[in-house]
PDB file of all heavy atoms in Angstrom:
ATOM      1  N   ALA A   1      12.672  52.313 -10.153  1.00  0.00           N
ATOM      2  CA  ALA A   1      12.722  51.023 -10.796  1.00  0.00           C
ATOM      3  C   ALA A   1      13.648  50.123 -10.005  1.00  0.00           C
ATOM      4  O   ALA A   1      14.450  50.611  -9.190  1.00  0.00           O
ATOM      5  CB  ALA A   1      13.251  51.173 -12.235  1.00  0.00           C
ATOM      6  N   GLY A   2      13.514  48.831 -10.198  1.00  0.00           N
ATOM      7  CA  GLY A   2      14.408  47.897  -9.524  1.00  0.00           C
ATOM      8  C   GLY A   2      14.472  46.625 -10.359  1.00  0.00           C
ATOM      9  O   GLY A   2      13.728  46.484 -11.354  1.00  0.00           O
ATOM     10  N   GLU A   3      15.322  45.716  -9.959  1.00  0.00           N
ATOM     11  CA  GLU A   3      15.409  44.431 -10.689  1.00  0.00           C
ATOM     12  C   GLU A   3      14.111  43.677 -10.515  1.00  0.00           C
ATOM     13  O   GLU A   3      13.525  43.659  -9.427  1.00  0.00           O
ATOM     14  CB  GLU A   3      16.568  43.611 -10.137  1.00  0.00           C
ATOM     15  CG  GLU A   3      17.926  44.004 -10.723  1.00  0.00           C
ATOM     16  CD  GLU A   3      18.993  42.993 -10.278  1.00  0.00           C
ATOM     17  OE1 GLU A   3      18.799  41.778 -10.495  1.00  0.00           O
ATOM     18  OE2 GLU A   3      19.990  43.440  -9.732  1.00  0.00           O
ATOM     19  N   THR A   4      13.641  43.019 -11.583  1.00  0.00           N
ATOM     20  CA  THR A   4      12.362  42.319 -11.496  1.00  0.00           C
ATOM     21  C   THR A   4      12.527  40.854 -11.099  1.00  0.00           C
ATOM     22  O   THR A   4      13.600  40.279 -11.217  1.00  0.00           O
ATOM     23  CB  THR A   4      11.606  42.354 -12.846  1.00  0.00           C
ATOM     24  OG1 THR A   4      12.446  41.798 -13.863  1.00  0.00           O
ATOM     25  CG2 THR A   4      11.223  43.777 -13.249  1.00  0.00           C
ATOM     26  N   PHE A   5      11.430  40.303 -10.584  1.00  0.00           N
ATOM     27  CA  PHE A   5      11.372  38.950 -10.060  1.00  0.00           C
ATOM     28  C   PHE A   5      11.736  37.916 -11.108  1.00  0.00           C
ATOM     29  O   PHE A   5      11.259  37.956 -12.223  1.00  0.00           O
ATOM     30  CB  PHE A   5       9.914  38.709  -9.604  1.00  0.00           C
ATOM     31  CG  PHE A   5       9.671  37.424  -8.890  1.00  0.00           C
ATOM     32  CD1 PHE A   5       9.975  37.309  -7.529  1.00  0.00           C
ATOM     33  CD2 PHE A   5       9.103  36.326  -9.531  1.00  0.00           C
ATOM     34  CE1 PHE A   5       9.731  36.145  -6.843  1.00  0.00           C
ATOM     35  CE2 PHE A   5       8.859  35.146  -8.861  1.00  0.00           C
ATOM     36  CZ  PHE A   5       9.152  35.051  -7.517  1.00  0.00           C
ATOM     37  N   GLN A   6      12.676  37.019 -10.757  1.00  0.00           N
ATOM     38  CA  GLN A   6      13.071  35.957 -11.700  1.00  0.00           C
ATOM     39  C   GLN A   6      13.070  34.616 -10.950  1.00  0.00           C
ATOM     40  O   GLN A   6      13.340  34.550  -9.754  1.00  0.00           O
ATOM     41  CB  GLN A   6      14.517  36.202 -12.154  1.00  0.00           C
ATOM     42  CG  GLN A   6      14.718  37.489 -12.916  1.00  0.00           C
ATOM     43  CD  GLN A   6      14.156  37.440 -14.325  1.00  0.00           C
ATOM     44  OE1 GLN A   6      14.188  36.405 -14.956  1.00  0.00           O
ATOM     45  NE2 GLN A   6      13.631  38.558 -14.806  1.00  0.00           N
ATOM     46  N   LEU A   7      12.752  33.536 -11.698  1.00  0.00           N
ATOM     47  CA  LEU A   7      12.870  32.202 -11.147  1.00  0.00           C
ATOM     48  C   LEU A   7      13.683  31.350 -12.097  1.00  0.00           C
ATOM     49  O   LEU A   7      13.431  31.380 -13.305  1.00  0.00           O
ATOM     50  CB  LEU A   7      11.479  31.566 -10.941  1.00  0.00           C
ATOM     51  CG  LEU A   7      10.583  32.154  -9.845  1.00  0.00           C
ATOM     52  CD1 LEU A   7       9.173  31.571  -9.928  1.00  0.00           C
ATOM     53  CD2 LEU A   7      11.178  31.886  -8.453  1.00  0.00           C
ATOM     54  N   PRO A   8      14.640  30.563 -11.597  1.00  0.00           N
ATOM     55  CA  PRO A   8      15.420  29.694 -12.499  1.00  0.00           C
ATOM     56  C   PRO A   8      14.551  28.577 -13.067  1.00  0.00           C
ATOM     57  O   PRO A   8      13.586  28.148 -12.425  1.00  0.00           O
ATOM     58  CB  PRO A   8      16.549  29.160 -11.609  1.00  0.00           C
ATOM     59  CG  PRO A   8      16.003  29.239 -10.218  1.00  0.00           C
ATOM     60  CD  PRO A   8      15.073  30.414 -10.204  1.00  0.00           C
ATOM     61  N   PRO A   9      14.856  28.023 -14.281  1.00  0.00           N
ATOM     62  CA  PRO A   9      14.101  26.912 -14.838  1.00  0.00           C
ATOM     63  C   PRO A   9      14.145  25.699 -13.924  1.00  0.00           C
ATOM     64  O   PRO A   9      15.086  25.513 -13.139  1.00  0.00           O
ATOM     65  CB  PRO A   9      14.844  26.611 -16.154  1.00  0.00           C
ATOM     66  CG  PRO A   9      15.656  27.825 -16.453  1.00  0.00           C
ATOM     67  CD  PRO A   9      15.957  28.463 -15.128  1.00  0.00           C
ATOM     68  N   VAL A  10      13.094  24.879 -13.964  1.00  0.00           N
ATOM     69  CA  VAL A  10      12.983  23.680 -13.127  1.00  0.00           C
ATOM     70  C   VAL A  10      12.541  22.505 -13.996  1.00  0.00           C
ATOM     71  O   VAL A  10      11.575  22.630 -14.744  1.00  0.00           O
ATOM     72  CB  VAL A  10      11.939  23.887 -12.003  1.00  0.00           C
ATOM     73  CG1 VAL A  10      11.710  22.604 -11.207  1.00  0.00           C
ATOM     74  CG2 VAL A  10      12.392  25.002 -11.055  1.00  0.00           C
ATOM     75  N   SER A  11      13.214  21.375 -13.839  1.00  0.00           N
ATOM     76  CA  SER A  11      12.764  20.160 -14.555  1.00  0.00           C
ATOM     77  C   SER A  11      13.329  18.947 -13.854  1.00  0.00           C
ATOM     78  O   SER A  11      14.433  18.499 -14.127  1.00  0.00           O
ATOM     79  CB  SER A  11      13.228  20.204 -16.004  1.00  0.00           C
ATOM     80  OG  SER A  11      12.788  19.061 -16.680  1.00  0.00           O
ATOM     81  N   THR A  12      12.558  18.432 -12.874  1.00  0.00           N
ATOM     82  CA  THR A  12      13.001  17.237 -12.157  1.00  0.00           C
ATOM     83  C   THR A  12      11.803  16.321 -11.889  1.00  0.00           C
ATOM     84  O   THR A  12      10.652  16.800 -11.864  1.00  0.00           O
ATOM     85  CB  THR A  12      13.616  17.592 -10.786  1.00  0.00           C
ATOM     86  OG1 THR A  12      12.623  18.363 -10.046  1.00  0.00           O
ATOM     87  CG2 THR A  12      14.882  18.403 -10.903  1.00  0.00           C
ATOM     88  N   ARG A  13      12.063  15.034 -11.706  1.00  0.00           N
ATOM     89  CA  ARG A  13      11.003  14.098 -11.295  1.00  0.00           C
ATOM     90  C   ARG A  13      10.970  14.030  -9.782  1.00  0.00           C
ATOM     91  O   ARG A  13      12.002  14.081  -9.131  1.00  0.00           O
ATOM     92  CB  ARG A  13      11.279  12.684 -11.849  1.00  0.00           C
ATOM     93  CG  ARG A  13      10.891  12.502 -13.295  1.00  0.00           C
ATOM     94  CD  ARG A  13      11.086  11.053 -13.710  1.00  0.00           C
ATOM     95  NE  ARG A  13      10.121  10.193 -13.066  1.00  0.00           N
ATOM     96  CZ  ARG A  13      10.213   8.850 -13.063  1.00  0.00           C
ATOM     97  NH1 ARG A  13      11.220   8.257 -13.621  1.00  0.00           N
ATOM     98  NH2 ARG A  13       9.294   8.109 -12.458  1.00  0.00           N
ATOM     99  N   THR A  14       9.750  13.878  -9.222  1.00  0.00           N
ATOM    100  CA  THR A  14       9.658  13.759  -7.781  1.00  0.00           C
ATOM    101  C   THR A  14       8.806  12.542  -7.431  1.00  0.00           C
ATOM    102  O   THR A  14       7.946  12.126  -8.224  1.00  0.00           O
ATOM    103  CB  THR A  14       8.992  15.010  -7.130  1.00  0.00           C
ATOM    104  OG1 THR A  14       7.694  15.203  -7.753  1.00  0.00           O
ATOM    105  CG2 THR A  14       9.814  16.257  -7.346  1.00  0.00           C
ATOM    106  N   ALA A  15       9.059  11.982  -6.241  1.00  0.00           N
ATOM    107  CA  ALA A  15       8.227  10.879  -5.684  1.00  0.00           C
ATOM    108  C   ALA A  15       8.211  11.129  -4.208  1.00  0.00           C
ATOM    109  O   ALA A  15       9.201  10.946  -3.526  1.00  0.00           O
ATOM    110  CB  ALA A  15       8.824   9.532  -6.046  1.00  0.00           C
ATOM    111  N   GLU A  16       7.045  11.587  -3.683  1.00  0.00           N
ATOM    112  CA  GLU A  16       6.995  12.008  -2.291  1.00  0.00           C
ATOM    113  C   GLU A  16       5.772  11.431  -1.554  1.00  0.00           C
ATOM    114  O   GLU A  16       4.695  11.295  -2.117  1.00  0.00           O
ATOM    115  CB  GLU A  16       6.932  13.544  -2.181  1.00  0.00           C
ATOM    116  CG  GLU A  16       8.199  14.200  -2.738  1.00  0.00           C
ATOM    117  CD  GLU A  16       8.183  15.719  -2.612  1.00  0.00           C
ATOM    118  OE1 GLU A  16       7.110  16.276  -2.320  1.00  0.00           O
ATOM    119  OE2 GLU A  16       9.244  16.327  -2.817  1.00  0.00           O
ATOM    120  N   PHE A  17       6.000  11.107  -0.270  1.00  0.00           N
ATOM    121  CA  PHE A  17       4.903  10.660   0.616  1.00  0.00           C
ATOM    122  C   PHE A  17       4.849  11.658   1.770  1.00  0.00           C
ATOM    123  O   PHE A  17       5.810  11.792   2.481  1.00  0.00           O
ATOM    124  CB  PHE A  17       5.227   9.248   1.139  1.00  0.00           C
ATOM    125  CG  PHE A  17       4.090   8.622   1.905  1.00  0.00           C
ATOM    126  CD1 PHE A  17       3.261   7.682   1.313  1.00  0.00           C
ATOM    127  CD2 PHE A  17       3.857   8.980   3.221  1.00  0.00           C
ATOM    128  CE1 PHE A  17       2.217   7.135   2.036  1.00  0.00           C
ATOM    129  CE2 PHE A  17       2.804   8.453   3.950  1.00  0.00           C
ATOM    130  CZ  PHE A  17       1.986   7.486   3.356  1.00  0.00           C
ATOM    131  N   TRP A  18       3.715  12.334   1.901  1.00  0.00           N
ATOM    132  CA  TRP A  18       3.541  13.328   2.952  1.00  0.00           C
ATOM    133  C   TRP A  18       2.602  12.754   4.001  1.00  0.00           C
ATOM    134  O   TRP A  18       1.535  12.217   3.688  1.00  0.00           O
ATOM    135  CB  TRP A  18       2.981  14.625   2.366  1.00  0.00           C
ATOM    136  CG  TRP A  18       3.968  15.388   1.562  1.00  0.00           C
ATOM    137  CD1 TRP A  18       4.348  15.113   0.290  1.00  0.00           C
ATOM    138  CD2 TRP A  18       4.736  16.511   2.010  1.00  0.00           C
ATOM    139  NE1 TRP A  18       5.309  16.006  -0.104  1.00  0.00           N
ATOM    140  CE2 TRP A  18       5.574  16.876   0.917  1.00  0.00           C
ATOM    141  CE3 TRP A  18       4.800  17.245   3.185  1.00  0.00           C
ATOM    142  CZ2 TRP A  18       6.476  17.958   0.986  1.00  0.00           C
ATOM    143  CZ3 TRP A  18       5.684  18.321   3.266  1.00  0.00           C
ATOM    144  CH2 TRP A  18       6.488  18.649   2.182  1.00  0.00           C
ATOM    145  N   VAL A  19       3.006  12.873   5.275  1.00  0.00           N
ATOM    146  CA  VAL A  19       2.215  12.320   6.383  1.00  0.00           C
ATOM    147  C   VAL A  19       1.358  13.416   7.008  1.00  0.00           C
ATOM    148  O   VAL A  19       1.841  14.494   7.304  1.00  0.00           O
ATOM    149  CB  VAL A  19       3.148  11.727   7.453  1.00  0.00           C
ATOM    150  CG1 VAL A  19       2.334  11.128   8.583  1.00  0.00           C
ATOM    151  CG2 VAL A  19       4.038  10.649   6.837  1.00  0.00           C
ATOM    152  N   ALA A  20       0.069  13.101   7.164  1.00  0.00           N
ATOM    153  CA  ALA A  20      -0.837  14.091   7.789  1.00  0.00           C
ATOM    154  C   ALA A  20      -1.810  13.334   8.689  1.00  0.00           C
ATOM    155  O   ALA A  20      -1.938  12.106   8.607  1.00  0.00           O
ATOM    156  CB  ALA A  20      -1.630  14.829   6.692  1.00  0.00           C
ATOM    157  N   ASN A  21      -2.496  14.075   9.557  1.00  0.00           N
ATOM    158  CA  ASN A  21      -3.469  13.482  10.453  1.00  0.00           C
ATOM    159  C   ASN A  21      -4.778  13.296   9.689  1.00  0.00           C
ATOM    160  O   ASN A  21      -5.674  14.119   9.745  1.00  0.00           O
ATOM    161  CB  ASN A  21      -3.667  14.412  11.654  1.00  0.00           C
ATOM    162  CG  ASN A  21      -4.646  13.837  12.661  1.00  0.00           C
ATOM    163  OD1 ASN A  21      -4.935  12.645  12.627  1.00  0.00           O
ATOM    164  ND2 ASN A  21      -5.178  14.656  13.537  1.00  0.00           N
ATOM    165  N   THR A  22      -4.859  12.222   8.937  1.00  0.00           N
ATOM    166  CA  THR A  22      -6.040  11.966   8.079  1.00  0.00           C
ATOM    167  C   THR A  22      -6.360  10.488   8.021  1.00  0.00           C
ATOM    168  O   THR A  22      -5.440   9.665   8.087  1.00  0.00           O
ATOM    169  CB  THR A  22      -5.786  12.538   6.636  1.00  0.00           C
ATOM    170  OG1 THR A  22      -6.805  12.029   5.770  1.00  0.00           O
ATOM    171  CG2 THR A  22      -4.443  12.052   6.104  1.00  0.00           C
ATOM    172  N   GLN A  23      -7.643  10.166   7.922  1.00  0.00           N
ATOM    173  CA  GLN A  23      -8.072   8.766   7.831  1.00  0.00           C
ATOM    174  C   GLN A  23      -8.169   8.298   6.366  1.00  0.00           C
ATOM    175  O   GLN A  23      -8.428   7.146   6.094  1.00  0.00           O
ATOM    176  CB  GLN A  23      -9.433   8.565   8.505  1.00  0.00           C
ATOM    177  CG  GLN A  23      -9.469   8.952   9.982  1.00  0.00           C
ATOM    178  CD  GLN A  23      -8.415   8.190  10.789  1.00  0.00           C
ATOM    179  OE1 GLN A  23      -8.356   6.962  10.727  1.00  0.00           O
ATOM    180  NE2 GLN A  23      -7.592   8.907  11.508  1.00  0.00           N
ATOM    181  N   VAL A  24      -8.000   9.248   5.451  1.00  0.00           N
ATOM    182  CA  VAL A  24      -8.147   8.929   4.010  1.00  0.00           C
ATOM    183  C   VAL A  24      -6.899   9.364   3.273  1.00  0.00           C
ATOM    184  O   VAL A  24      -6.048  10.059   3.839  1.00  0.00           O
ATOM    185  CB  VAL A  24      -9.408   9.631   3.408  1.00  0.00           C
ATOM    186  CG1 VAL A  24     -10.667   8.919   3.869  1.00  0.00           C
ATOM    187  CG2 VAL A  24      -9.411  11.109   3.791  1.00  0.00           C
ATOM    188  N   ASN A  25      -6.782   8.971   2.027  1.00  0.00           N
ATOM    189  CA  ASN A  25      -5.595   9.293   1.218  1.00  0.00           C
ATOM    190  C   ASN A  25      -5.953  10.330   0.120  1.00  0.00           C
ATOM    191  O   ASN A  25      -7.090  10.398  -0.340  1.00  0.00           O
ATOM    192  CB  ASN A  25      -5.041   8.036   0.547  1.00  0.00           C
ATOM    193  CG  ASN A  25      -4.822   6.915   1.553  1.00  0.00           C
ATOM    194  OD1 ASN A  25      -4.188   7.151   2.584  1.00  0.00           O
ATOM    195  ND2 ASN A  25      -5.348   5.735   1.280  1.00  0.00           N
ATOM    196  N   PHE A  26      -4.932  11.056  -0.294  1.00  0.00           N
ATOM    197  CA  PHE A  26      -5.055  11.955  -1.444  1.00  0.00           C
ATOM    198  C   PHE A  26      -3.858  11.591  -2.350  1.00  0.00           C
ATOM    199  O   PHE A  26      -2.702  11.750  -1.927  1.00  0.00           O
ATOM    200  CB  PHE A  26      -4.953  13.407  -0.985  1.00  0.00           C
ATOM    201  CG  PHE A  26      -6.034  13.788   0.003  1.00  0.00           C
ATOM    202  CD1 PHE A  26      -5.835  13.627   1.378  1.00  0.00           C
ATOM    203  CD2 PHE A  26      -7.240  14.297  -0.431  1.00  0.00           C
ATOM    204  CE1 PHE A  26      -6.815  13.975   2.284  1.00  0.00           C
ATOM    205  CE2 PHE A  26      -8.237  14.663   0.466  1.00  0.00           C
ATOM    206  CZ  PHE A  26      -8.018  14.483   1.843  1.00  0.00           C
ATOM    207  N   CYS A  27      -4.152  11.096  -3.525  1.00  0.00           N
ATOM    208  CA  CYS A  27      -3.094  10.647  -4.435  1.00  0.00           C
ATOM    209  C   CYS A  27      -2.990  11.554  -5.647  1.00  0.00           C
ATOM    210  O   CYS A  27      -4.000  12.031  -6.164  1.00  0.00           O
ATOM    211  CB  CYS A  27      -3.412   9.223  -4.939  1.00  0.00           C
ATOM    212  SG  CYS A  27      -3.754   8.039  -3.617  1.00  0.00           S
ATOM    213  N   ALA A  28      -1.780  11.801  -6.106  1.00  0.00           N
ATOM    214  CA  ALA A  28      -1.614  12.614  -7.318  1.00  0.00           C
ATOM    215  C   ALA A  28      -0.426  12.089  -8.124  1.00  0.00           C
ATOM    216  O   ALA A  28       0.563  11.616  -7.562  1.00  0.00           O
ATOM    217  CB  ALA A  28      -1.368  14.086  -6.946  1.00  0.00           C
ATOM    218  N   ARG A  29      -0.601  12.142  -9.430  1.00  0.00           N
ATOM    219  CA  ARG A  29       0.507  11.787 -10.340  1.00  0.00           C
ATOM    220  C   ARG A  29       0.513  12.805 -11.473  1.00  0.00           C
ATOM    221  O   ARG A  29      -0.565  13.162 -11.999  1.00  0.00           O
ATOM    222  CB  ARG A  29       0.295  10.354 -10.893  1.00  0.00           C
ATOM    223  CG  ARG A  29       1.368   9.913 -11.828  1.00  0.00           C
ATOM    224  CD  ARG A  29       1.384   8.379 -11.981  1.00  0.00           C
ATOM    225  NE  ARG A  29       2.101   7.771 -10.863  1.00  0.00           N
ATOM    226  CZ  ARG A  29       2.064   6.461 -10.617  1.00  0.00           C
ATOM    227  NH1 ARG A  29       1.340   5.635 -11.352  1.00  0.00           N
ATOM    228  NH2 ARG A  29       2.750   5.975  -9.579  1.00  0.00           N
TER     229      ARG A  29
END
């Protein structure tokens, strides 16, 4: 047996622009 996988709670707002080699856009909210 071993210690099991844990993740701390997360609650934040984000606003990000990612640059890629593309002629079109992909938008998400």
